[in-house]
PDB file of N, CA and C in Angstrom:
ATOM      1  N   MET A   1     -56.237 -76.570 -36.649  1.00  0.00           N
ATOM      2  CA  MET A   1     -56.491 -77.510 -35.571  1.00  0.00           C
ATOM      3  C   MET A   1     -55.175 -78.041 -34.982  1.00  0.00           C
ATOM      4  N   ARG A   2     -54.240 -78.441 -35.862  1.00  0.00           N
ATOM      5  CA  ARG A   2     -52.957 -78.954 -35.389  1.00  0.00           C
ATOM      6  C   ARG A   2     -52.181 -77.921 -34.593  1.00  0.00           C
ATOM      7  N   VAL A   3     -52.215 -76.679 -35.054  1.00  0.00           N
ATOM      8  CA  VAL A   3     -51.500 -75.610 -34.366  1.00  0.00           C
ATOM      9  C   VAL A   3     -52.077 -75.390 -32.983  1.00  0.00           C
ATOM     10  N   ARG A   4     -53.395 -75.388 -32.886  1.00  0.00           N
ATOM     11  CA  ARG A   4     -54.026 -75.201 -31.574  1.00  0.00           C
ATOM     12  C   ARG A   4     -53.695 -76.352 -30.635  1.00  0.00           C
ATOM     13  N   LEU A   5     -53.717 -77.558 -31.152  1.00  0.00           N
ATOM     14  CA  LEU A   5     -53.405 -78.721 -30.323  1.00  0.00           C
ATOM     15  C   LEU A   5     -51.956 -78.668 -29.850  1.00  0.00           C
ATOM     16  N   SER A   6     -51.041 -78.315 -30.755  1.00  0.00           N
ATOM     17  CA  SER A   6     -49.632 -78.197 -30.371  1.00  0.00           C
ATOM     18  C   SER A   6     -49.433 -77.103 -29.334  1.00  0.00           C
ATOM     19  N   SER A   7     -50.118 -75.980 -29.540  1.00  0.00           N
ATOM     20  CA  SER A   7     -50.008 -74.878 -28.578  1.00  0.00           C
ATOM     21  C   SER A   7     -50.555 -75.278 -27.222  1.00  0.00           C
ATOM     22  N   ALA A   8     -51.692 -75.950 -27.225  1.00  0.00           N
ATOM     23  CA  ALA A   8     -52.295 -76.386 -25.965  1.00  0.00           C
ATOM     24  C   ALA A   8     -51.403 -77.382 -25.246  1.00  0.00           C
ATOM     25  N   LEU A   9     -50.814 -78.307 -25.991  1.00  0.00           N
ATOM     26  CA  LEU A   9     -49.919 -79.290 -25.390  1.00  0.00           C
ATOM     27  C   LEU A   9     -48.679 -78.609 -24.820  1.00  0.00           C
ATOM     28  N   GLY A  10     -48.087 -77.675 -25.564  1.00  0.00           N
ATOM     29  CA  GLY A  10     -46.924 -76.943 -25.087  1.00  0.00           C
ATOM     30  C   GLY A  10     -47.225 -76.167 -23.822  1.00  0.00           C
ATOM     31  N   LEU A  11     -48.370 -75.505 -23.786  1.00  0.00           N
ATOM     32  CA  LEU A  11     -48.780 -74.755 -22.599  1.00  0.00           C
ATOM     33  C   LEU A  11     -48.985 -75.690 -21.415  1.00  0.00           C
ATOM     34  N   ALA A  12     -49.612 -76.818 -21.650  1.00  0.00           N
ATOM     35  CA  ALA A  12     -49.837 -77.779 -20.563  1.00  0.00           C
ATOM     36  C   ALA A  12     -48.515 -78.284 -20.002  1.00  0.00           C
ATOM     37  N   LEU A  13     -47.556 -78.600 -20.868  1.00  0.00           N
ATOM     38  CA  LEU A  13     -46.254 -79.075 -20.399  1.00  0.00           C
ATOM     39  C   LEU A  13     -45.507 -77.994 -19.641  1.00  0.00           C
ATOM     40  N   ALA A  14     -45.577 -76.775 -20.122  1.00  0.00           N
ATOM     41  CA  ALA A  14     -44.912 -75.667 -19.422  1.00  0.00           C
ATOM     42  C   ALA A  14     -45.512 -75.455 -18.050  1.00  0.00           C
ATOM     43  N   CYS A  15     -46.810 -75.568 -17.934  1.00  0.00           N
ATOM     44  CA  CYS A  15     -47.479 -75.352 -16.651  1.00  0.00           C
ATOM     45  C   CYS A  15     -47.187 -76.461 -15.657  1.00  0.00           C
ATOM     46  N   THR A  16     -47.064 -77.694 -16.131  1.00  0.00           N
ATOM     47  CA  THR A  16     -46.818 -78.783 -15.190  1.00  0.00           C
ATOM     48  C   THR A  16     -45.469 -78.642 -14.518  1.00  0.00           C
ATOM     49  N   SER A  17     -44.510 -78.037 -15.184  1.00  0.00           N
ATOM     50  CA  SER A  17     -43.202 -77.919 -14.560  1.00  0.00           C
ATOM     51  C   SER A  17     -43.171 -76.797 -13.530  1.00  0.00           C
ATOM     52  N   ALA A  18     -44.212 -75.985 -13.476  1.00  0.00           N
ATOM     53  CA  ALA A  18     -44.240 -74.871 -12.541  1.00  0.00           C
ATOM     54  C   ALA A  18     -45.248 -75.117 -11.424  1.00  0.00           C
ATOM     55  N   VAL A  19     -45.375 -76.361 -11.023  1.00  0.00           N
ATOM     56  CA  VAL A  19     -46.332 -76.736  -9.988  1.00  0.00           C
ATOM     57  C   VAL A  19     -45.574 -77.183  -8.751  1.00  0.00           C
ATOM     58  N   ALA A  20     -45.997 -76.688  -7.614  1.00  0.00           N
ATOM     59  CA  ALA A  20     -45.363 -77.032  -6.344  1.00  0.00           C
ATOM     60  C   ALA A  20     -45.701 -78.464  -5.945  1.00  0.00           C
ATOM     61  N   GLN A  21     -45.058 -78.955  -4.902  1.00  0.00           N
ATOM     62  CA  GLN A  21     -45.289 -80.303  -4.417  1.00  0.00           C
ATOM     63  C   GLN A  21     -46.749 -80.546  -4.038  1.00  0.00           C
ATOM     64  N   ASP A  22     -47.434 -79.505  -3.572  1.00  0.00           N
ATOM     65  CA  ASP A  22     -48.826 -79.668  -3.158  1.00  0.00           C
ATOM     66  C   ASP A  22     -49.790 -79.615  -4.336  1.00  0.00           C
ATOM     67  N   GLY A  23     -49.262 -79.525  -5.554  1.00  0.00           N
ATOM     68  CA  GLY A  23     -50.095 -79.523  -6.741  1.00  0.00           C
ATOM     69  C   GLY A  23     -50.569 -78.148  -7.178  1.00  0.00           C
ATOM     70  N   LYS A  24     -50.313 -77.140  -6.373  1.00  0.00           N
ATOM     71  CA  LYS A  24     -50.718 -75.780  -6.724  1.00  0.00           C
ATOM     72  C   LYS A  24     -49.606 -75.131  -7.541  1.00  0.00           C
ATOM     73  N   PRO A  25     -49.964 -74.303  -8.505  1.00  0.00           N
ATOM     74  CA  PRO A  25     -48.919 -73.631  -9.285  1.00  0.00           C
ATOM     75  C   PRO A  25     -48.184 -72.588  -8.435  1.00  0.00           C
ATOM     76  N   PHE A  26     -46.926 -72.383  -8.753  1.00  0.00           N
ATOM     77  CA  PHE A  26     -46.169 -71.339  -8.081  1.00  0.00           C
ATOM     78  C   PHE A  26     -46.697 -69.986  -8.529  1.00  0.00           C
ATOM     79  N   ALA A  27     -46.730 -69.036  -7.618  1.00  0.00           N
ATOM     80  CA  ALA A  27     -47.145 -67.674  -7.961  1.00  0.00           C
ATOM     81  C   ALA A  27     -46.038 -67.020  -8.778  1.00  0.00           C
ATOM     82  N   ALA A  28     -46.430 -66.213  -9.740  1.00  0.00           N
ATOM     83  CA  ALA A  28     -45.460 -65.514 -10.587  1.00  0.00           C
ATOM     84  C   ALA A  28     -44.506 -64.671  -9.749  1.00  0.00           C
ATOM     85  N   GLU A  29     -45.019 -64.069  -8.686  1.00  0.00           N
ATOM     86  CA  GLU A  29     -44.175 -63.235  -7.819  1.00  0.00           C
ATOM     87  C   GLU A  29     -43.107 -64.079  -7.131  1.00  0.00           C
ATOM     88  N   GLN A  30     -43.473 -65.297  -6.739  1.00  0.00           N
ATOM     89  CA  GLN A  30     -42.518 -66.177  -6.070  1.00  0.00           C
ATOM     90  C   GLN A  30     -41.417 -66.603  -7.043  1.00  0.00           C
ATOM     91  N   ILE A  31     -41.788 -66.917  -8.270  1.00  0.00           N
ATOM     92  CA  ILE A  31     -40.799 -67.298  -9.281  1.00  0.00           C
ATOM     93  C   ILE A  31     -39.871 -66.123  -9.576  1.00  0.00           C
ATOM     94  N   LYS A  32     -40.439 -64.932  -9.685  1.00  0.00           N
ATOM     95  CA  LYS A  32     -39.639 -63.733  -9.952  1.00  0.00           C
ATOM     96  C   LYS A  32     -38.658 -63.482  -8.799  1.00  0.00           C
ATOM     97  N   LYS A  33     -39.141 -63.608  -7.564  1.00  0.00           N
ATOM     98  CA  LYS A  33     -38.261 -63.439  -6.408  1.00  0.00           C
ATOM     99  C   LYS A  33     -37.138 -64.471  -6.441  1.00  0.00           C
ATOM    100  N   GLY A  34     -37.483 -65.705  -6.778  1.00  0.00           N
ATOM    101  CA  GLY A  34     -36.472 -66.751  -6.881  1.00  0.00           C
ATOM    102  C   GLY A  34     -35.434 -66.448  -7.950  1.00  0.00           C
ATOM    103  N   ALA A  35     -35.876 -65.904  -9.079  1.00  0.00           N
ATOM    104  CA  ALA A  35     -34.953 -65.536 -10.155  1.00  0.00           C
ATOM    105  C   ALA A  35     -33.997 -64.441  -9.689  1.00  0.00           C
ATOM    106  N   GLU A  36     -34.517 -63.486  -8.948  1.00  0.00           N
ATOM    107  CA  GLU A  36     -33.679 -62.401  -8.429  1.00  0.00           C
ATOM    108  C   GLU A  36     -32.680 -62.923  -7.394  1.00  0.00           C
ATOM    109  N   LEU A  37     -33.141 -63.794  -6.505  1.00  0.00           N
ATOM    110  CA  LEU A  37     -32.241 -64.392  -5.518  1.00  0.00           C
ATOM    111  C   LEU A  37     -31.173 -65.240  -6.199  1.00  0.00           C
ATOM    112  N   TYR A  38     -31.581 -65.982  -7.216  1.00  0.00           N
ATOM    113  CA  TYR A  38     -30.641 -66.806  -7.962  1.00  0.00           C
ATOM    114  C   TYR A  38     -29.557 -65.928  -8.586  1.00  0.00           C
ATOM    115  N   GLU A  39     -29.977 -64.856  -9.224  1.00  0.00           N
ATOM    116  CA  GLU A  39     -29.016 -63.962  -9.879  1.00  0.00           C
ATOM    117  C   GLU A  39     -28.021 -63.386  -8.873  1.00  0.00           C
ATOM    118  N   THR A  40     -28.506 -63.040  -7.707  1.00  0.00           N
ATOM    119  CA  THR A  40     -27.645 -62.443  -6.677  1.00  0.00           C
ATOM    120  C   THR A  40     -26.745 -63.460  -5.995  1.00  0.00           C
ATOM    121  N   ASN A  41     -27.280 -64.642  -5.695  1.00  0.00           N
ATOM    122  CA  ASN A  41     -26.565 -65.582  -4.837  1.00  0.00           C
ATOM    123  C   ASN A  41     -26.053 -66.860  -5.502  1.00  0.00           C
ATOM    124  N   CYS A  42     -26.618 -67.241  -6.623  1.00  0.00           N
ATOM    125  CA  CYS A  42     -26.342 -68.578  -7.160  1.00  0.00           C
ATOM    126  C   CYS A  42     -25.639 -68.608  -8.512  1.00  0.00           C
ATOM    127  N   GLN A  43     -25.867 -67.589  -9.324  1.00  0.00           N
ATOM    128  CA  GLN A  43     -25.375 -67.685 -10.696  1.00  0.00           C
ATOM    129  C   GLN A  43     -23.858 -67.676 -10.809  1.00  0.00           C
ATOM    130  N   THR A  44     -23.165 -67.172  -9.801  1.00  0.00           N
ATOM    131  CA  THR A  44     -21.707 -67.186  -9.839  1.00  0.00           C
ATOM    132  C   THR A  44     -21.187 -68.609 -10.012  1.00  0.00           C
ATOM    133  N   CYS A  45     -21.793 -69.550  -9.331  1.00  0.00           N
ATOM    134  CA  CYS A  45     -21.364 -70.949  -9.439  1.00  0.00           C
ATOM    135  C   CYS A  45     -22.198 -71.749 -10.432  1.00  0.00           C
ATOM    136  N   HIS A  46     -23.499 -71.542 -10.429  1.00  0.00           N
ATOM    137  CA  HIS A  46     -24.388 -72.360 -11.249  1.00  0.00           C
ATOM    138  C   HIS A  46     -24.644 -71.790 -12.637  1.00  0.00           C
ATOM    139  N   GLY A  47     -24.136 -70.601 -12.911  1.00  0.00           N
ATOM    140  CA  GLY A  47     -24.264 -70.012 -14.234  1.00  0.00           C
ATOM    141  C   GLY A  47     -25.543 -69.223 -14.402  1.00  0.00           C
ATOM    142  N   PRO A  48     -25.530 -68.296 -15.356  1.00  0.00           N
ATOM    143  CA  PRO A  48     -26.742 -67.513 -15.613  1.00  0.00           C
ATOM    144  C   PRO A  48     -27.847 -68.391 -16.207  1.00  0.00           C
ATOM    145  N   ARG A  49     -29.068 -68.089 -15.819  1.00  0.00           N
ATOM    146  CA  ARG A  49     -30.249 -68.783 -16.352  1.00  0.00           C
ATOM    147  C   ARG A  49     -30.193 -70.296 -16.149  1.00  0.00           C
ATOM    148  N   LEU A  50     -29.657 -70.710 -15.028  1.00  0.00           N
ATOM    149  CA  LEU A  50     -29.582 -72.113 -14.625  1.00  0.00           C
ATOM    150  C   LEU A  50     -28.647 -72.944 -15.493  1.00  0.00           C
ATOM    151  N   ALA A  51     -27.961 -72.316 -16.432  1.00  0.00           N
ATOM    152  CA  ALA A  51     -27.036 -73.029 -17.308  1.00  0.00           C
ATOM    153  C   ALA A  51     -25.691 -73.113 -16.608  1.00  0.00           C
ATOM    154  N   ASN A  52     -25.350 -74.290 -16.177  1.00  0.00           N
ATOM    155  CA  ASN A  52     -24.212 -74.453 -15.281  1.00  0.00           C
ATOM    156  C   ASN A  52     -22.867 -74.503 -15.975  1.00  0.00           C
ATOM    157  N   PRO A  53     -21.851 -74.034 -15.275  1.00  0.00           N
ATOM    158  CA  PRO A  53     -20.486 -74.325 -15.705  1.00  0.00           C
ATOM    159  C   PRO A  53     -20.172 -75.788 -15.364  1.00  0.00           C
ATOM    160  N   GLU A  54     -19.056 -76.279 -15.828  1.00  0.00           N
ATOM    161  CA  GLU A  54     -18.718 -77.693 -15.645  1.00  0.00           C
ATOM    162  C   GLU A  54     -18.652 -78.138 -14.189  1.00  0.00           C
ATOM    163  N   TRP A  55     -18.266 -77.274 -13.288  1.00  0.00           N
ATOM    164  CA  TRP A  55     -18.007 -77.686 -11.906  1.00  0.00           C
ATOM    165  C   TRP A  55     -19.239 -77.678 -10.997  1.00  0.00           C
ATOM    166  N   ALA A  56     -20.390 -77.215 -11.479  1.00  0.00           N
ATOM    167  CA  ALA A  56     -21.563 -77.107 -10.606  1.00  0.00           C
ATOM    168  C   ALA A  56     -22.712 -77.987 -11.106  1.00  0.00           C
ATOM    169  N   LYS A  57     -23.624 -78.256 -10.218  1.00  0.00           N
ATOM    170  CA  LYS A  57     -24.821 -79.033 -10.549  1.00  0.00           C
ATOM    171  C   LYS A  57     -25.651 -78.287 -11.588  1.00  0.00           C
ATOM    172  N   ASP A  58     -26.116 -78.991 -12.598  1.00  0.00           N
ATOM    173  CA  ASP A  58     -26.991 -78.410 -13.614  1.00  0.00           C
ATOM    174  C   ASP A  58     -28.403 -78.352 -13.035  1.00  0.00           C
ATOM    175  N   LEU A  59     -28.792 -77.188 -12.576  1.00  0.00           N
ATOM    176  CA  LEU A  59     -30.086 -77.048 -11.906  1.00  0.00           C
ATOM    177  C   LEU A  59     -31.266 -77.189 -12.852  1.00  0.00           C
ATOM    178  N   ARG A  60     -31.042 -77.102 -14.151  1.00  0.00           N
ATOM    179  CA  ARG A  60     -32.123 -77.335 -15.112  1.00  0.00           C
ATOM    180  C   ARG A  60     -32.566 -78.787 -15.068  1.00  0.00           C
ATOM    181  N   LYS A  61     -31.704 -79.661 -14.555  1.00  0.00           N
ATOM    182  CA  LYS A  61     -31.998 -81.095 -14.505  1.00  0.00           C
ATOM    183  C   LYS A  61     -32.307 -81.575 -13.091  1.00  0.00           C
ATOM    184  N   PHE A  62     -32.438 -80.650 -12.151  1.00  0.00           N
ATOM    185  CA  PHE A  62     -32.726 -81.057 -10.770  1.00  0.00           C
ATOM    186  C   PHE A  62     -34.128 -81.677 -10.734  1.00  0.00           C
ATOM    187  N   PRO A  63     -34.266 -82.874 -10.159  1.00  0.00           N
ATOM    188  CA  PRO A  63     -35.561 -83.560 -10.165  1.00  0.00           C
ATOM    189  C   PRO A  63     -36.629 -82.793  -9.372  1.00  0.00           C
ATOM    190  N   PRO A  64     -37.738 -82.447 -10.009  1.00  0.00           N
ATOM    191  CA  PRO A  64     -38.802 -81.706  -9.321  1.00  0.00           C
ATOM    192  C   PRO A  64     -39.376 -82.434  -8.110  1.00  0.00           C
ATOM    193  N   ALA A  65     -39.193 -83.736  -8.041  1.00  0.00           N
ATOM    194  CA  ALA A  65     -39.704 -84.499  -6.898  1.00  0.00           C
ATOM    195  C   ALA A  65     -38.779 -84.425  -5.681  1.00  0.00           C
ATOM    196  N   ASP A  66     -37.599 -83.825  -5.832  1.00  0.00           N
ATOM    197  CA  ASP A  66     -36.615 -83.784  -4.747  1.00  0.00           C
ATOM    198  C   ASP A  66     -36.595 -82.455  -4.004  1.00  0.00           C
ATOM    199  N   HIS A  67     -37.757 -81.961  -3.656  1.00  0.00           N
ATOM    200  CA  HIS A  67     -37.870 -80.689  -2.941  1.00  0.00           C
ATOM    201  C   HIS A  67     -37.067 -80.708  -1.642  1.00  0.00           C
ATOM    202  N   ALA A  68     -37.231 -81.754  -0.843  1.00  0.00           N
ATOM    203  CA  ALA A  68     -36.550 -81.832   0.456  1.00  0.00           C
ATOM    204  C   ALA A  68     -35.029 -81.823   0.282  1.00  0.00           C
ATOM    205  N   ARG A  69     -34.533 -82.528  -0.709  1.00  0.00           N
ATOM    206  CA  ARG A  69     -33.081 -82.548  -0.965  1.00  0.00           C
ATOM    207  C   ARG A  69     -32.591 -81.158  -1.365  1.00  0.00           C
ATOM    208  N   PHE A  70     -33.365 -80.451  -2.190  1.00  0.00           N
ATOM    209  CA  PHE A  70     -33.006 -79.094  -2.596  1.00  0.00           C
ATOM    210  C   PHE A  70     -32.910 -78.188  -1.368  1.00  0.00           C
ATOM    211  N   VAL A  71     -33.927 -78.222  -0.520  1.00  0.00           N
ATOM    212  CA  VAL A  71     -33.952 -77.376   0.680  1.00  0.00           C
ATOM    213  C   VAL A  71     -32.768 -77.704   1.585  1.00  0.00           C
ATOM    214  N   ASP A  72     -32.516 -78.980   1.820  1.00  0.00           N
ATOM    215  CA  ASP A  72     -31.387 -79.378   2.670  1.00  0.00           C
ATOM    216  C   ASP A  72     -30.052 -78.938   2.083  1.00  0.00           C
ATOM    217  N   THR A  73     -29.887 -79.104   0.780  1.00  0.00           N
ATOM    218  CA  THR A  73     -28.638 -78.745   0.124  1.00  0.00           C
ATOM    219  C   THR A  73     -28.384 -77.250   0.206  1.00  0.00           C
ATOM    220  N   VAL A  74     -29.412 -76.460  -0.085  1.00  0.00           N
ATOM    221  CA  VAL A  74     -29.248 -75.007  -0.029  1.00  0.00           C
ATOM    222  C   VAL A  74     -29.020 -74.557   1.415  1.00  0.00           C
ATOM    223  N   THR A  75     -29.769 -75.098   2.336  1.00  0.00           N
ATOM    224  CA  THR A  75     -29.686 -74.681   3.735  1.00  0.00           C
ATOM    225  C   THR A  75     -28.384 -75.114   4.399  1.00  0.00           C
ATOM    226  N   TYR A  76     -27.992 -76.379   4.208  1.00  0.00           N
ATOM    227  CA  TYR A  76     -26.853 -76.933   4.935  1.00  0.00           C
ATOM    228  C   TYR A  76     -25.595 -77.139   4.092  1.00  0.00           C
ATOM    229  N   GLY A  77     -25.719 -77.014   2.777  1.00  0.00           N
ATOM    230  CA  GLY A  77     -24.585 -77.225   1.892  1.00  0.00           C
ATOM    231  C   GLY A  77     -24.328 -78.704   1.654  1.00  0.00           C
ATOM    232  N   VAL A  78     -23.504 -78.974   0.654  1.00  0.00           N
ATOM    233  CA  VAL A  78     -23.113 -80.343   0.338  1.00  0.00           C
ATOM    234  C   VAL A  78     -21.850 -80.287  -0.519  1.00  0.00           C
ATOM    235  N   ARG A  79     -20.906 -81.161  -0.226  1.00  0.00           N
ATOM    236  CA  ARG A  79     -19.620 -81.183  -0.926  1.00  0.00           C
ATOM    237  C   ARG A  79     -19.048 -79.771  -1.091  1.00  0.00           C
ATOM    238  N   ASN A  80     -18.911 -79.291  -2.309  1.00  0.00           N
ATOM    239  CA  ASN A  80     -18.293 -77.974  -2.535  1.00  0.00           C
ATOM    240  C   ASN A  80     -19.248 -76.800  -2.365  1.00  0.00           C
ATOM    241  N   MET A  81     -20.514 -77.064  -2.198  1.00  0.00           N
ATOM    242  CA  MET A  81     -21.481 -75.974  -2.039  1.00  0.00           C
ATOM    243  C   MET A  81     -21.589 -75.581  -0.571  1.00  0.00           C
ATOM    244  N   PRO A  82     -21.398 -74.303  -0.285  1.00  0.00           N
ATOM    245  CA  PRO A  82     -21.491 -73.859   1.111  1.00  0.00           C
ATOM    246  C   PRO A  82     -22.945 -73.792   1.573  1.00  0.00           C
ATOM    247  N   PRO A  83     -23.164 -73.819   2.880  1.00  0.00           N
ATOM    248  CA  PRO A  83     -24.526 -73.661   3.404  1.00  0.00           C
ATOM    249  C   PRO A  83     -25.002 -72.214   3.245  1.00  0.00           C
ATOM    250  N   TRP A  84     -26.274 -72.058   2.941  1.00  0.00           N
ATOM    251  CA  TRP A  84     -26.865 -70.728   2.781  1.00  0.00           C
ATOM    252  C   TRP A  84     -27.915 -70.427   3.839  1.00  0.00           C
ATOM    253  N   GLY A  85     -28.065 -71.319   4.812  1.00  0.00           N
ATOM    254  CA  GLY A  85     -29.082 -71.144   5.835  1.00  0.00           C
ATOM    255  C   GLY A  85     -28.932 -69.894   6.672  1.00  0.00           C
ATOM    256  N   ASP A  86     -27.726 -69.383   6.774  1.00  0.00           N
ATOM    257  CA  ASP A  86     -27.518 -68.158   7.539  1.00  0.00           C
ATOM    258  C   ASP A  86     -27.742 -66.901   6.685  1.00  0.00           C
ATOM    259  N   VAL A  87     -27.886 -67.071   5.374  1.00  0.00           N
ATOM    260  CA  VAL A  87     -28.082 -65.953   4.452  1.00  0.00           C
ATOM    261  C   VAL A  87     -29.524 -65.893   3.947  1.00  0.00           C
ATOM    262  N   LEU A  88     -30.064 -67.051   3.599  1.00  0.00           N
ATOM    263  CA  LEU A  88     -31.405 -67.124   3.020  1.00  0.00           C
ATOM    264  C   LEU A  88     -32.425 -67.600   4.044  1.00  0.00           C
ATOM    265  N   LYS A  89     -33.554 -66.934   4.089  1.00  0.00           N
ATOM    266  CA  LYS A  89     -34.659 -67.352   4.948  1.00  0.00           C
ATOM    267  C   LYS A  89     -35.398 -68.503   4.263  1.00  0.00           C
ATOM    268  N   PRO A  90     -36.182 -69.280   5.016  1.00  0.00           N
ATOM    269  CA  PRO A  90     -36.913 -70.386   4.405  1.00  0.00           C
ATOM    270  C   PRO A  90     -37.788 -69.967   3.211  1.00  0.00           C
ATOM    271  N   ASP A  91     -38.419 -68.785   3.281  1.00  0.00           N
ATOM    272  CA  ASP A  91     -39.238 -68.368   2.140  1.00  0.00           C
ATOM    273  C   ASP A  91     -38.368 -67.991   0.935  1.00  0.00           C
ATOM    274  N   ASP A  92     -37.117 -67.585   1.179  1.00  0.00           N
ATOM    275  CA  ASP A  92     -36.179 -67.341   0.087  1.00  0.00           C
ATOM    276  C   ASP A  92     -35.818 -68.658  -0.609  1.00  0.00           C
ATOM    277  N   VAL A  93     -35.570 -69.685   0.188  1.00  0.00           N
ATOM    278  CA  VAL A  93     -35.238 -71.000  -0.363  1.00  0.00           C
ATOM    279  C   VAL A  93     -36.425 -71.523  -1.177  1.00  0.00           C
ATOM    280  N   GLU A  94     -37.634 -71.306  -0.686  1.00  0.00           N
ATOM    281  CA  GLU A  94     -38.831 -71.738  -1.429  1.00  0.00           C
ATOM    282  C   GLU A  94     -38.971 -70.967  -2.739  1.00  0.00           C
ATOM    283  N   ALA A  95     -38.626 -69.687  -2.732  1.00  0.00           N
ATOM    284  CA  ALA A  95     -38.670 -68.893  -3.969  1.00  0.00           C
ATOM    285  C   ALA A  95     -37.623 -69.413  -4.961  1.00  0.00           C
ATOM    286  N   LEU A  96     -36.433 -69.749  -4.470  1.00  0.00           N
ATOM    287  CA  LEU A  96     -35.422 -70.344  -5.342  1.00  0.00           C
ATOM    288  C   LEU A  96     -35.919 -71.660  -5.932  1.00  0.00           C
ATOM    289  N   TRP A  97     -36.568 -72.452  -5.097  1.00  0.00           N
ATOM    290  CA  TRP A  97     -37.121 -73.720  -5.569  1.00  0.00           C
ATOM    291  C   TRP A  97     -38.149 -73.467  -6.679  1.00  0.00           C
ATOM    292  N   ALA A  98     -39.011 -72.496  -6.482  1.00  0.00           N
ATOM    293  CA  ALA A  98     -40.015 -72.174  -7.503  1.00  0.00           C
ATOM    294  C   ALA A  98     -39.335 -71.808  -8.819  1.00  0.00           C
ATOM    295  N   TYR A  99     -38.270 -71.030  -8.739  1.00  0.00           N
ATOM    296  CA  TYR A  99     -37.543 -70.632  -9.947  1.00  0.00           C
ATOM    297  C   TYR A  99     -36.875 -71.829 -10.610  1.00  0.00           C
ATOM    298  N   VAL A 100     -36.246 -72.677  -9.823  1.00  0.00           N
ATOM    299  CA  VAL A 100     -35.562 -73.854 -10.379  1.00  0.00           C
ATOM    300  C   VAL A 100     -36.585 -74.786 -11.041  1.00  0.00           C
ATOM    301  N   VAL A 101     -37.701 -75.023 -10.396  1.00  0.00           N
ATOM    302  CA  VAL A 101     -38.712 -75.918 -10.965  1.00  0.00           C
ATOM    303  C   VAL A 101     -39.378 -75.289 -12.194  1.00  0.00           C
ATOM    304  N   ALA A 102     -39.688 -74.007 -12.113  1.00  0.00           N
ATOM    305  CA  ALA A 102     -40.348 -73.343 -13.230  1.00  0.00           C
ATOM    306  C   ALA A 102     -39.386 -73.128 -14.390  1.00  0.00           C
ATOM    307  N   GLY A 103     -38.128 -72.896 -14.075  1.00  0.00           N
ATOM    308  CA  GLY A 103     -37.149 -72.646 -15.129  1.00  0.00           C
ATOM    309  C   GLY A 103     -37.245 -71.231 -15.678  1.00  0.00           C
ATOM    310  N   GLU A 104     -36.429 -70.971 -16.633  1.00  0.00           N
ATOM    311  CA  GLU A 104     -36.344 -69.635 -17.235  1.00  0.00           C
ATOM    312  C   GLU A 104     -37.628 -69.191 -17.915  1.00  0.00           C
ATOM    313  N   ARG A 105     -38.375 -70.124 -18.474  1.00  0.00           N
ATOM    314  CA  ARG A 105     -39.550 -69.736 -19.270  1.00  0.00           C
ATOM    315  C   ARG A 105     -40.651 -69.079 -18.449  1.00  0.00           C
ATOM    316  N   LYS A 106     -40.628 -69.250 -17.128  1.00  0.00           N
ATOM    317  CA  LYS A 106     -41.698 -68.710 -16.279  1.00  0.00           C
ATOM    318  C   LYS A 106     -41.270 -67.482 -15.512  1.00  0.00           C
ATOM    319  N   LYS A 107     -40.086 -66.975 -15.738  1.00  0.00           N
ATOM    320  CA  LYS A 107     -39.560 -65.845 -14.966  1.00  0.00           C
ATOM    321  C   LYS A 107     -40.360 -64.630 -15.172  1.00  0.00           C
TER     322      LYS A 107
END
């Protein structure tokens, strides 16, 4: 009984972190696309698997409620981060967001 309860609680917590702002879960394909985009465009600065080097934002700790800030930062840049709006389409940015919110466990 305890094992089932722990497993159910763990699954519930994992699922809540992979939910979009509208309350719907991110599609697995969207998270996978975000992981691929991250690997190609983001990991050089932010580190593999969202584990950041000292000089970059730790995306594992990015607040899930700050979707608009994430989109603005990726699109227009901020401080040392360059803008990616000319490279990434809006659906690419949304896929990156899905990956960041879902984290490595949902890839």
